[in-house]
């Protein structure tokens, strides 16, 4: 919230298991940061699977950190 209030774009990346938790937290805080969700689970994925998730999310992550609020 602090960074966003200073005009510094940011957000978070989480697996899609946490979509509802992110909504609840945003509502509780009165702040809805940019976010990117990737496939779940993350734990026990191979390096190749993690690279694929990262490649699929890269464009969205780049947009998240380069677009000013």
N, C-alpha and C. Protein backbone atom coordinates (compact mmCIF):
# COMPACT_ATOMS: atom_id res chain seq x y z
N UNK A 1 0.83 -1.19 0.00
CA UNK A 1 0.00 0.00 0.00
C UNK A 1 0.87 1.25 0.00
N UNK A 2 1.95 1.19 0.75
CA UNK A 2 2.84 2.35 0.83
C UNK A 2 3.44 2.67 -0.54
N UNK A 3 3.94 1.67 -1.22
CA UNK A 3 4.53 1.91 -2.54
C UNK A 3 3.50 2.46 -3.51
N UNK A 4 2.33 1.86 -3.53
CA UNK A 4 1.26 2.33 -4.42
C UNK A 4 0.90 3.78 -4.12
N UNK A 5 0.87 4.14 -2.84
CA UNK A 5 0.51 5.52 -2.48
C UNK A 5 1.55 6.52 -2.96
N UNK A 6 2.77 6.03 -3.23
CA UNK A 6 3.84 6.89 -3.73
C UNK A 6 3.99 6.79 -5.24
N UNK A 7 3.05 6.10 -5.90
CA UNK A 7 3.07 5.99 -7.34
C UNK A 7 4.01 4.93 -7.89
N UNK A 8 4.46 4.04 -7.03
CA UNK A 8 5.35 2.96 -7.46
C UNK A 8 4.50 1.71 -7.68
N UNK A 9 4.43 1.26 -8.94
CA UNK A 9 3.58 0.10 -9.20
C UNK A 9 4.14 -1.17 -8.57
N UNK A 10 3.25 -2.03 -8.19
CA UNK A 10 3.65 -3.30 -7.60
C UNK A 10 2.46 -4.22 -7.53
N UNK A 11 2.62 -5.29 -6.83
CA UNK A 11 1.55 -6.25 -6.68
C UNK A 11 2.11 -7.54 -6.13
N UNK A 12 1.38 -8.62 -6.35
CA UNK A 12 1.87 -9.90 -5.87
C UNK A 12 1.51 -11.01 -6.83
N UNK A 13 2.23 -12.11 -6.66
CA UNK A 13 2.01 -13.31 -7.46
C UNK A 13 1.69 -14.44 -6.49
N UNK A 14 0.63 -15.16 -6.80
CA UNK A 14 0.24 -16.30 -5.95
C UNK A 14 -0.40 -17.35 -6.84
N UNK A 15 -0.56 -18.54 -6.29
CA UNK A 15 -1.24 -19.57 -7.07
C UNK A 15 -2.75 -19.36 -6.97
N UNK A 16 -3.46 -19.89 -7.96
CA UNK A 16 -4.89 -19.64 -8.03
C UNK A 16 -5.69 -20.22 -6.87
N UNK A 17 -5.06 -20.97 -6.03
CA UNK A 17 -5.70 -21.46 -4.81
C UNK A 17 -6.04 -20.30 -3.86
N UNK A 18 -5.36 -19.17 -4.03
CA UNK A 18 -5.49 -18.05 -3.10
C UNK A 18 -6.32 -16.89 -3.63
N UNK A 19 -7.07 -17.09 -4.68
CA UNK A 19 -7.90 -16.03 -5.25
C UNK A 19 -8.89 -15.49 -4.22
N UNK A 20 -9.63 -16.38 -3.59
CA UNK A 20 -10.63 -15.94 -2.61
C UNK A 20 -9.99 -15.28 -1.40
N UNK A 21 -8.87 -15.82 -0.94
CA UNK A 21 -8.16 -15.22 0.19
C UNK A 21 -7.68 -13.81 -0.17
N UNK A 22 -7.22 -13.62 -1.39
CA UNK A 22 -6.77 -12.29 -1.83
C UNK A 22 -7.93 -11.31 -1.86
N UNK A 23 -9.09 -11.77 -2.33
CA UNK A 23 -10.28 -10.90 -2.34
C UNK A 23 -10.65 -10.50 -0.92
N UNK A 24 -10.65 -11.45 -0.01
CA UNK A 24 -11.01 -11.16 1.38
C UNK A 24 -10.03 -10.19 2.01
N UNK A 25 -8.75 -10.39 1.77
CA UNK A 25 -7.73 -9.50 2.33
C UNK A 25 -7.87 -8.10 1.75
N UNK A 26 -8.09 -8.00 0.45
CA UNK A 26 -8.26 -6.69 -0.18
C UNK A 26 -9.46 -5.96 0.41
N UNK A 27 -10.54 -6.68 0.60
CA UNK A 27 -11.74 -6.09 1.18
C UNK A 27 -11.47 -5.62 2.61
N UNK A 28 -10.78 -6.44 3.36
CA UNK A 28 -10.48 -6.12 4.76
C UNK A 28 -9.60 -4.87 4.87
N UNK A 29 -8.63 -4.76 3.96
CA UNK A 29 -7.70 -3.62 4.00
C UNK A 29 -8.21 -2.39 3.27
N UNK A 30 -9.24 -2.57 2.44
CA UNK A 30 -9.70 -1.45 1.63
C UNK A 30 -8.70 -1.08 0.56
N UNK A 31 -7.96 -2.06 0.09
CA UNK A 31 -6.90 -1.85 -0.89
C UNK A 31 -6.85 -3.08 -1.78
N UNK A 32 -6.93 -2.87 -3.08
CA UNK A 32 -6.95 -3.99 -4.01
C UNK A 32 -5.74 -3.90 -4.94
N UNK A 33 -4.61 -4.50 -4.54
CA UNK A 33 -3.40 -4.40 -5.35
C UNK A 33 -3.52 -5.20 -6.65
N UNK A 34 -2.64 -4.89 -7.57
CA UNK A 34 -2.56 -5.70 -8.79
C UNK A 34 -2.05 -7.07 -8.38
N UNK A 35 -2.48 -8.07 -9.11
CA UNK A 35 -2.08 -9.43 -8.76
C UNK A 35 -2.05 -10.31 -9.98
N UNK A 36 -1.22 -11.33 -9.90
CA UNK A 36 -1.13 -12.33 -10.95
C UNK A 36 -1.24 -13.69 -10.27
N UNK A 37 -2.14 -14.50 -10.78
CA UNK A 37 -2.31 -15.85 -10.22
C UNK A 37 -1.81 -16.87 -11.24
N UNK A 38 -1.11 -17.86 -10.74
CA UNK A 38 -0.59 -18.95 -11.57
C UNK A 38 -1.19 -20.26 -11.09
N UNK A 39 -0.99 -21.30 -11.88
CA UNK A 39 -1.54 -22.61 -11.54
C UNK A 39 -1.07 -23.15 -10.20
N UNK A 40 -1.94 -23.89 -9.59
CA UNK A 40 -1.68 -24.51 -8.29
C UNK A 40 -1.63 -26.01 -8.51
N UNK A 41 -0.83 -26.74 -7.80
CA UNK A 41 0.08 -26.32 -6.74
C UNK A 41 1.44 -25.89 -7.29
N UNK A 42 2.18 -25.23 -6.45
CA UNK A 42 3.54 -24.81 -6.78
C UNK A 42 4.53 -25.82 -6.22
N UNK A 43 4.28 -26.24 -5.01
CA UNK A 43 5.16 -27.18 -4.33
C UNK A 43 5.34 -28.44 -5.16
N UNK A 44 6.53 -28.93 -5.20
CA UNK A 44 6.89 -30.18 -5.88
C UNK A 44 6.85 -30.11 -7.40
N UNK A 45 6.81 -28.93 -7.97
CA UNK A 45 6.90 -28.81 -9.43
C UNK A 45 8.36 -28.91 -9.84
N UNK A 46 8.58 -29.42 -11.02
CA UNK A 46 9.94 -29.50 -11.54
C UNK A 46 10.38 -28.10 -11.98
N UNK A 47 11.67 -27.95 -12.19
CA UNK A 47 12.19 -26.67 -12.68
C UNK A 47 11.54 -26.31 -14.01
N UNK A 48 11.37 -27.29 -14.86
CA UNK A 48 10.76 -27.04 -16.17
C UNK A 48 9.32 -26.57 -16.03
N UNK A 49 8.58 -27.17 -15.11
CA UNK A 49 7.19 -26.76 -14.89
C UNK A 49 7.13 -25.34 -14.34
N UNK A 50 8.05 -25.00 -13.44
CA UNK A 50 8.09 -23.65 -12.89
C UNK A 50 8.46 -22.64 -13.96
N UNK A 51 9.39 -23.00 -14.83
CA UNK A 51 9.75 -22.11 -15.93
C UNK A 51 8.56 -21.86 -16.84
N UNK A 52 7.78 -22.89 -17.11
CA UNK A 52 6.59 -22.74 -17.95
C UNK A 52 5.58 -21.81 -17.29
N UNK A 53 5.34 -21.98 -15.98
CA UNK A 53 4.43 -21.08 -15.27
C UNK A 53 4.92 -19.64 -15.35
N UNK A 54 6.22 -19.46 -15.15
CA UNK A 54 6.80 -18.11 -15.20
C UNK A 54 6.66 -17.51 -16.59
N UNK A 55 6.93 -18.29 -17.61
CA UNK A 55 6.80 -17.79 -18.98
C UNK A 55 5.36 -17.40 -19.29
N UNK A 56 4.42 -18.20 -18.84
CA UNK A 56 3.01 -17.91 -19.09
C UNK A 56 2.55 -16.65 -18.37
N UNK A 57 3.14 -16.37 -17.23
CA UNK A 57 2.73 -15.22 -16.42
C UNK A 57 3.56 -13.96 -16.70
N UNK A 58 4.66 -14.10 -17.41
CA UNK A 58 5.62 -13.01 -17.56
C UNK A 58 4.98 -11.72 -18.07
N UNK A 59 4.20 -11.79 -19.11
CA UNK A 59 3.59 -10.58 -19.68
C UNK A 59 2.72 -9.87 -18.65
N UNK A 60 1.97 -10.63 -17.88
CA UNK A 60 1.09 -10.05 -16.86
C UNK A 60 1.90 -9.44 -15.71
N UNK A 61 2.99 -10.12 -15.34
CA UNK A 61 3.85 -9.60 -14.27
C UNK A 61 4.53 -8.32 -14.72
N UNK A 62 5.02 -8.30 -15.94
CA UNK A 62 5.67 -7.10 -16.47
C UNK A 62 4.69 -5.93 -16.48
N UNK A 63 3.47 -6.19 -16.91
CA UNK A 63 2.44 -5.14 -16.92
C UNK A 63 2.16 -4.65 -15.49
N UNK A 64 2.13 -5.60 -14.56
CA UNK A 64 1.83 -5.26 -13.17
C UNK A 64 2.86 -4.28 -12.59
N UNK A 65 4.13 -4.47 -12.93
CA UNK A 65 5.18 -3.63 -12.33
C UNK A 65 5.58 -2.43 -13.17
N UNK A 66 5.02 -2.31 -14.36
CA UNK A 66 5.37 -1.15 -15.19
C UNK A 66 4.22 -0.19 -15.36
N UNK A 67 2.99 -0.61 -15.10
CA UNK A 67 1.84 0.28 -15.23
C UNK A 67 1.64 1.04 -13.93
N UNK A 68 1.68 2.34 -14.01
CA UNK A 68 1.44 3.16 -12.81
C UNK A 68 -0.02 3.04 -12.41
N UNK A 69 -0.30 3.13 -11.10
CA UNK A 69 -1.69 3.04 -10.63
C UNK A 69 -2.55 4.19 -11.12
